[in-house]
């Protein structure tokens, strides 16, 4: 392996220590902790595990978190009513609806119902739109976390050729907007892209977010490229795999993220940061009013 490993766990730990100090100062100044409410619909074991990890991370960072559990057959109106209650709750600064939702619930409708100023996942159309207009507010967590990893690793973005593989609303599209904002020249590849290897070979910065294990072959990676693997896929034998063929890619890349331990920890850290940001802005508006 010749690539420098980008240790998301180590970078995240340092940031969470600093974040805990900021939340402590917030609590002293405002007489309360920042508050996050997480809505979990259904009984998915994977979703329950992710939510518990977020709750544990909140506790360590000094953020008060509440988990609201709803049954898998919860009708849309009940979920929307719960979101409305949280939107109007002054003790709640951030609202997160854990995805994926049961199939009968339209995530676009549900996510848009969250107050944009409490949308700490950064999925609301207003927040994605502000990012597109180069006026970011609450930024989508995984793309913002990727930008933090690049900065912390000293990887230049300005003027670089960046390729994003995957065009989802959660990662691919806002990731392209983040890279554009940082001055990269961006190509987004998706399932209709012809000759994916040729696009990947041009990438000085590659972000793989297709959700397809081993999709990106190591031989496609340009020498010295920064490879950010957002994919996290469960293989039949239980192991986790990214979207990039790690061992072969690491022989060619300059930097590479592992799976797990790369992007994942930064997604949660960005969620914590967004919650503190939302709380701080709400308190500032309250005092101005």
Protein backbone atom coordinates (compact mmCIF):
# COMPACT_ATOMS: atom_id res chain seq x y z
CA UNK A 1 0.00 0.00 0.00
CA UNK A 2 1.42 3.38 -1.04
CA UNK A 3 -1.58 5.62 -0.36
CA UNK A 4 -1.82 7.65 2.84
CA UNK A 5 -4.76 6.36 4.87
CA UNK A 6 -7.33 9.03 5.76
CA UNK A 7 -8.32 8.06 9.30
CA UNK A 8 -11.86 9.35 9.75
CA UNK A 9 -11.98 8.02 13.30
CA UNK A 10 -8.94 10.01 14.39
CA UNK A 11 -10.06 13.22 12.68
CA UNK A 12 -13.54 12.79 14.11
CA UNK A 13 -12.27 12.25 17.66
CA UNK A 14 -10.30 15.49 17.57
CA UNK A 15 -13.28 17.42 16.22
CA UNK A 16 -15.69 15.94 18.77
CA UNK A 17 -13.39 16.99 21.63
CA UNK A 18 -13.48 20.56 20.32
CA UNK A 19 -17.23 20.30 19.75
CA UNK A 20 -17.83 19.18 23.34
CA UNK A 21 -16.05 22.31 24.56
CA UNK A 22 -18.26 24.48 22.37
CA UNK A 23 -21.48 22.80 23.50
CA UNK A 24 -20.41 23.22 27.14
CA UNK A 25 -19.91 26.94 26.50
CA UNK A 26 -23.32 27.08 24.80
CA UNK A 27 -24.96 25.43 27.82
CA UNK A 28 -23.36 27.91 30.21
CA UNK A 29 -24.37 30.88 28.09
CA UNK A 30 -27.96 29.81 27.39
CA UNK A 31 -28.80 27.64 30.39
CA UNK A 32 -29.56 24.56 28.30
CA UNK A 33 -27.94 21.97 26.09
CA UNK A 34 -28.53 21.87 22.33
CA UNK A 35 -31.38 19.45 21.64
CA UNK A 36 -31.70 16.81 18.91
CA UNK A 37 -34.82 14.72 18.23
CA UNK A 38 -34.48 11.55 16.15
CA UNK A 39 -37.54 9.86 14.68
CA UNK A 40 -37.19 6.13 14.04
CA UNK A 41 -40.01 4.50 12.08
CA UNK A 42 -40.16 0.70 12.10
CA UNK A 43 -38.01 -1.98 13.64
CA UNK A 44 -35.02 -2.20 11.30
CA UNK A 45 -32.07 -3.50 13.34
CA UNK A 46 -29.58 -1.55 11.21
CA UNK A 47 -31.49 1.72 11.61
CA UNK A 48 -31.86 1.13 15.35
CA UNK A 49 -28.08 0.61 15.61
CA UNK A 50 -27.34 3.81 13.68
CA UNK A 51 -29.74 5.78 15.87
CA UNK A 52 -28.16 4.42 19.06
CA UNK A 53 -24.70 5.40 17.79
CA UNK A 54 -25.97 8.92 17.17
CA UNK A 55 -27.47 9.05 20.65
CA UNK A 56 -24.18 7.92 22.19
CA UNK A 57 -22.27 10.51 20.16
CA UNK A 58 -24.68 13.23 21.32
CA UNK A 59 -24.19 12.26 24.96
CA UNK A 60 -20.40 12.46 24.60
CA UNK A 61 -20.67 15.87 22.92
CA UNK A 62 -23.03 17.39 25.47
CA UNK A 63 -26.08 17.37 23.20
CA UNK A 64 -29.42 16.28 24.65
CA UNK A 65 -31.02 13.72 22.35
CA UNK A 66 -34.45 12.12 22.25
CA UNK A 67 -35.45 9.08 20.21
CA UNK A 68 -39.07 8.93 19.09
CA UNK A 69 -40.05 5.44 17.94
CA UNK A 70 -43.03 4.90 15.66
CA UNK A 71 -44.38 1.57 14.32
CA UNK A 72 -43.54 0.39 10.82
CA UNK A 73 -47.19 0.78 9.75
CA UNK A 74 -47.33 4.37 11.00
CA UNK A 75 -49.54 6.39 8.61
CA UNK A 76 -48.03 9.46 6.97
CA UNK A 77 -50.34 11.87 8.80
CA UNK A 78 -49.16 10.59 12.19
CA UNK A 79 -45.51 11.03 11.26
CA UNK A 80 -46.21 14.50 9.85
CA UNK A 81 -48.06 15.44 13.05
CA UNK A 82 -45.05 14.32 15.10
CA UNK A 83 -42.73 16.44 12.96
CA UNK A 84 -45.04 19.44 13.40
CA UNK A 85 -44.87 19.05 17.19
CA UNK A 86 -41.07 19.00 17.08
CA UNK A 87 -40.97 21.97 14.70
CA UNK A 88 -42.76 24.06 17.32
CA UNK A 89 -40.84 22.72 20.34
CA UNK A 90 -38.36 25.36 21.56
CA UNK A 91 -36.28 22.70 23.33
CA UNK A 92 -35.59 20.96 20.02
CA UNK A 93 -32.92 22.53 17.81
CA UNK A 94 -32.47 19.68 15.37
CA UNK A 95 -34.78 17.06 13.87
CA UNK A 96 -33.56 13.94 12.12
CA UNK A 97 -35.83 11.40 10.42
CA UNK A 98 -33.86 8.16 10.16
CA UNK A 99 -33.75 6.74 6.64
CA UNK A 100 -34.76 4.54 4.96
CA UNK A 101 -38.45 4.87 5.76
CA UNK A 102 -41.01 2.08 5.22
CA UNK A 103 -42.07 1.91 1.58
CA UNK A 104 -45.52 3.42 2.12
CA UNK A 105 -43.96 6.72 3.30
CA UNK A 106 -42.65 9.19 0.71
CA UNK A 107 -39.31 10.48 2.02
CA UNK A 108 -39.52 13.65 -0.10
CA UNK A 109 -42.78 14.67 1.58
CA UNK A 110 -41.57 13.71 5.05
CA UNK A 111 -38.19 15.46 4.83
CA UNK A 112 -39.71 18.64 3.41
CA UNK A 113 -42.04 18.80 6.43
CA UNK A 114 -39.07 19.32 8.78
CA UNK A 115 -38.41 22.99 9.59
CA UNK A 116 -35.44 23.93 7.39
CA UNK A 117 -33.83 25.68 10.35
CA UNK A 118 -33.96 22.41 12.33
CA UNK A 119 -33.00 20.16 9.40
CA UNK A 120 -29.65 18.97 10.79
CA UNK A 121 -29.38 16.24 8.13
CA UNK A 122 -29.28 19.02 5.52
CA UNK A 123 -31.81 17.27 3.27
CA UNK A 124 -34.50 19.97 3.10
CA UNK A 125 -34.87 21.57 -0.35
CA UNK A 126 -34.11 24.97 1.20
CA UNK A 127 -30.79 23.78 2.58
CA UNK A 128 -29.76 21.99 -0.60
CA UNK A 129 -30.88 25.04 -2.58
CA UNK A 130 -28.80 27.39 -0.44
CA UNK A 131 -25.79 25.17 -1.08
CA UNK A 132 -26.48 25.36 -4.82
CA UNK A 133 -26.64 29.17 -4.55
CA UNK A 134 -23.29 29.27 -2.71
CA UNK A 135 -24.96 30.42 0.51
CA UNK A 136 -24.78 27.23 2.63
CA UNK A 137 -26.77 27.00 5.86
CA UNK A 138 -27.18 23.50 7.33
CA UNK A 139 -25.12 21.33 4.99
CA UNK A 140 -25.84 17.70 4.09
CA UNK A 141 -23.80 15.71 6.60
CA UNK A 142 -21.91 13.20 4.48
CA UNK A 143 -20.76 15.63 1.73
CA UNK A 144 -19.77 18.22 4.34
CA UNK A 145 -17.91 15.50 6.23
CA UNK A 146 -16.01 14.58 3.06
CA UNK A 147 -14.92 18.19 2.63
CA UNK A 148 -13.68 18.21 6.22
CA UNK A 149 -11.65 15.05 5.57
CA UNK A 150 -10.05 16.62 2.49
CA UNK A 151 -9.18 19.79 4.40
CA UNK A 152 -7.85 17.93 7.45
CA UNK A 153 -5.66 15.77 5.20
CA UNK A 154 -4.20 18.77 3.38
CA UNK A 155 -5.65 17.71 0.04
CA UNK A 156 -6.09 20.70 -2.31
CA UNK A 157 -9.46 21.05 -4.04
CA UNK A 158 -9.26 24.39 -5.85
CA UNK A 159 -8.89 23.85 -9.58
CA UNK A 160 -8.70 20.05 -9.27
CA UNK A 161 -10.56 17.51 -11.41
CA UNK A 162 -13.15 15.89 -9.15
CA UNK A 163 -15.34 12.95 -10.12
CA UNK A 164 -18.36 11.88 -8.09
CA UNK A 165 -19.71 8.40 -8.81
CA UNK A 166 -23.36 8.32 -7.73
CA UNK A 167 -26.05 10.96 -8.07
CA UNK A 168 -28.31 10.42 -5.05
CA UNK A 169 -30.02 13.34 -3.33
CA UNK A 170 -28.34 12.37 -0.06
CA UNK A 171 -24.71 12.18 -1.20
CA UNK A 172 -23.92 12.47 -4.90
CA UNK A 173 -25.71 15.67 -5.86
CA UNK A 174 -24.85 17.74 -2.77
CA UNK A 175 -21.31 16.34 -2.93
CA UNK A 176 -20.94 17.83 -6.40
CA UNK A 177 -22.23 21.17 -5.06
CA UNK A 178 -19.73 21.11 -2.19
CA UNK A 179 -16.84 20.45 -4.56
CA UNK A 180 -18.02 23.19 -6.91
CA UNK A 181 -18.21 25.59 -3.99
CA UNK A 182 -14.58 24.73 -3.17
CA UNK A 183 -13.49 25.51 -6.74
CA UNK A 184 -13.13 22.03 -8.24
CA UNK A 185 -14.10 21.08 -11.78
CA UNK A 186 -16.74 18.43 -11.18
CA UNK A 187 -18.05 15.47 -13.16
CA UNK A 188 -20.96 13.43 -11.80
CA UNK A 189 -21.25 9.84 -13.01
CA UNK A 190 -24.42 7.76 -12.67
CA UNK A 191 -26.06 4.62 -14.00
CA UNK A 192 -26.44 6.11 -17.49
CA UNK A 193 -22.80 7.20 -17.75
CA UNK A 194 -20.91 5.68 -20.66
CA UNK A 195 -17.35 4.47 -20.12
CA UNK A 196 -17.13 4.97 -16.37
CA UNK A 197 -13.44 3.93 -16.24
CA UNK A 198 -12.39 6.85 -18.46
CA UNK A 199 -14.04 9.35 -16.13
CA UNK A 200 -12.52 7.77 -13.02
CA UNK A 201 -9.04 7.79 -14.58
CA UNK A 202 -9.22 11.60 -14.93
CA UNK A 203 -10.08 12.16 -11.29
CA UNK A 204 -7.60 13.90 -9.04
CA UNK A 205 -10.30 13.64 -6.38
CA UNK A 206 -12.66 10.67 -6.59
CA UNK A 207 -15.75 10.36 -4.41
CA UNK A 208 -17.42 6.96 -4.76
CA UNK A 209 -21.03 6.97 -3.55
CA UNK A 210 -22.86 4.44 -5.71
CA UNK A 211 -23.68 1.79 -3.10
CA UNK A 212 -22.17 -0.95 -5.27
CA UNK A 213 -19.39 -3.01 -3.67
CA UNK A 214 -16.15 -3.01 -5.63
CA UNK A 215 -17.65 -1.03 -8.51
CA UNK A 216 -14.51 1.09 -8.91
CA UNK A 217 -11.57 -1.05 -9.98
CA UNK A 218 -8.19 -0.24 -8.51
CA UNK A 219 -6.58 -0.09 -11.95
CA UNK A 220 -8.84 2.85 -12.85
CA UNK A 221 -7.40 5.10 -10.15
CA UNK A 222 -5.03 7.85 -11.28
CA UNK A 223 -1.59 7.90 -9.69
CA UNK A 224 -1.66 10.15 -6.61
CA UNK A 225 -5.42 10.68 -6.62
CA UNK A 226 -7.43 11.25 -3.43
CA UNK A 227 -9.99 8.45 -3.13
CA UNK A 228 -12.96 9.01 -0.83
CA UNK A 229 -15.11 5.91 -0.53
CA UNK A 230 -18.58 6.73 0.81
CA UNK A 231 -20.00 3.30 0.01
CA UNK A 232 -20.66 0.92 2.87
CA UNK A 233 -22.01 -2.41 1.70
CA UNK A 234 -22.65 -5.61 3.63
CA UNK A 235 -21.21 -8.62 1.79
CA UNK A 236 -22.78 -12.11 1.97
CA UNK A 237 -20.07 -13.21 4.43
CA UNK A 238 -20.94 -10.30 6.74
CA UNK A 239 -17.90 -8.15 5.97
CA UNK A 240 -18.26 -4.49 5.05
CA UNK A 241 -17.03 -3.27 1.68
CA UNK A 242 -16.81 0.12 0.04
CA UNK A 243 -17.49 0.96 -3.59
CA UNK A 244 -13.77 0.97 -4.38
CA UNK A 245 -11.52 -2.06 -4.80
CA UNK A 246 -9.45 -0.98 -1.81
CA UNK A 247 -6.22 -2.99 -1.97
CA UNK A 248 -5.55 -2.34 -5.65
CA UNK A 249 -6.64 1.29 -5.43
CA UNK A 250 -4.33 1.92 -2.47
CA UNK A 251 -1.35 0.93 -4.65
CA UNK A 252 -2.06 3.85 -6.99
CA UNK A 253 -3.81 6.53 -4.90
CA UNK A 254 -2.11 9.27 -2.92
CA UNK A 255 -4.78 9.20 -0.21
CA UNK A 256 -7.61 6.78 0.48
CA UNK A 257 -10.35 6.30 3.07
CA UNK A 258 -10.95 2.88 4.62
CA UNK A 259 -14.36 1.25 4.97
CA UNK A 260 -15.33 1.31 7.75
CA UNK A 261 -13.52 4.09 9.62
CA UNK A 262 -13.33 6.70 6.88
CA UNK A 263 -16.35 8.79 5.95
CA UNK A 264 -18.84 7.23 8.39
CA UNK A 265 -17.50 8.83 11.60
CA UNK A 266 -17.41 12.24 9.90
CA UNK A 267 -21.07 11.99 8.91
CA UNK A 268 -22.04 11.67 12.57
CA UNK A 269 -19.61 14.42 13.62
CA UNK A 270 -21.13 16.77 11.04
CA UNK A 271 -24.59 15.96 12.41
CA UNK A 272 -23.40 17.05 15.86
CA UNK A 273 -21.89 20.22 14.41
CA UNK A 274 -25.11 21.00 12.55
CA UNK A 275 -27.11 20.57 15.76
CA UNK A 276 -24.90 23.05 17.61
CA UNK A 277 -25.04 25.44 14.63
CA UNK A 278 -28.85 25.22 14.52
CA UNK A 279 -29.07 25.82 18.28
CA UNK A 280 -26.73 28.80 18.14
CA UNK A 281 -28.61 30.43 15.27
CA UNK A 282 -31.96 29.90 17.00
CA UNK A 283 -30.66 31.54 20.18
CA UNK A 284 -29.26 34.45 18.18
CA UNK A 285 -32.62 35.01 16.48
CA UNK A 286 -34.41 34.75 19.84
CA UNK A 287 -32.22 37.44 21.35
CA UNK A 288 -32.55 39.69 18.29
CA UNK A 289 -36.34 39.31 18.49
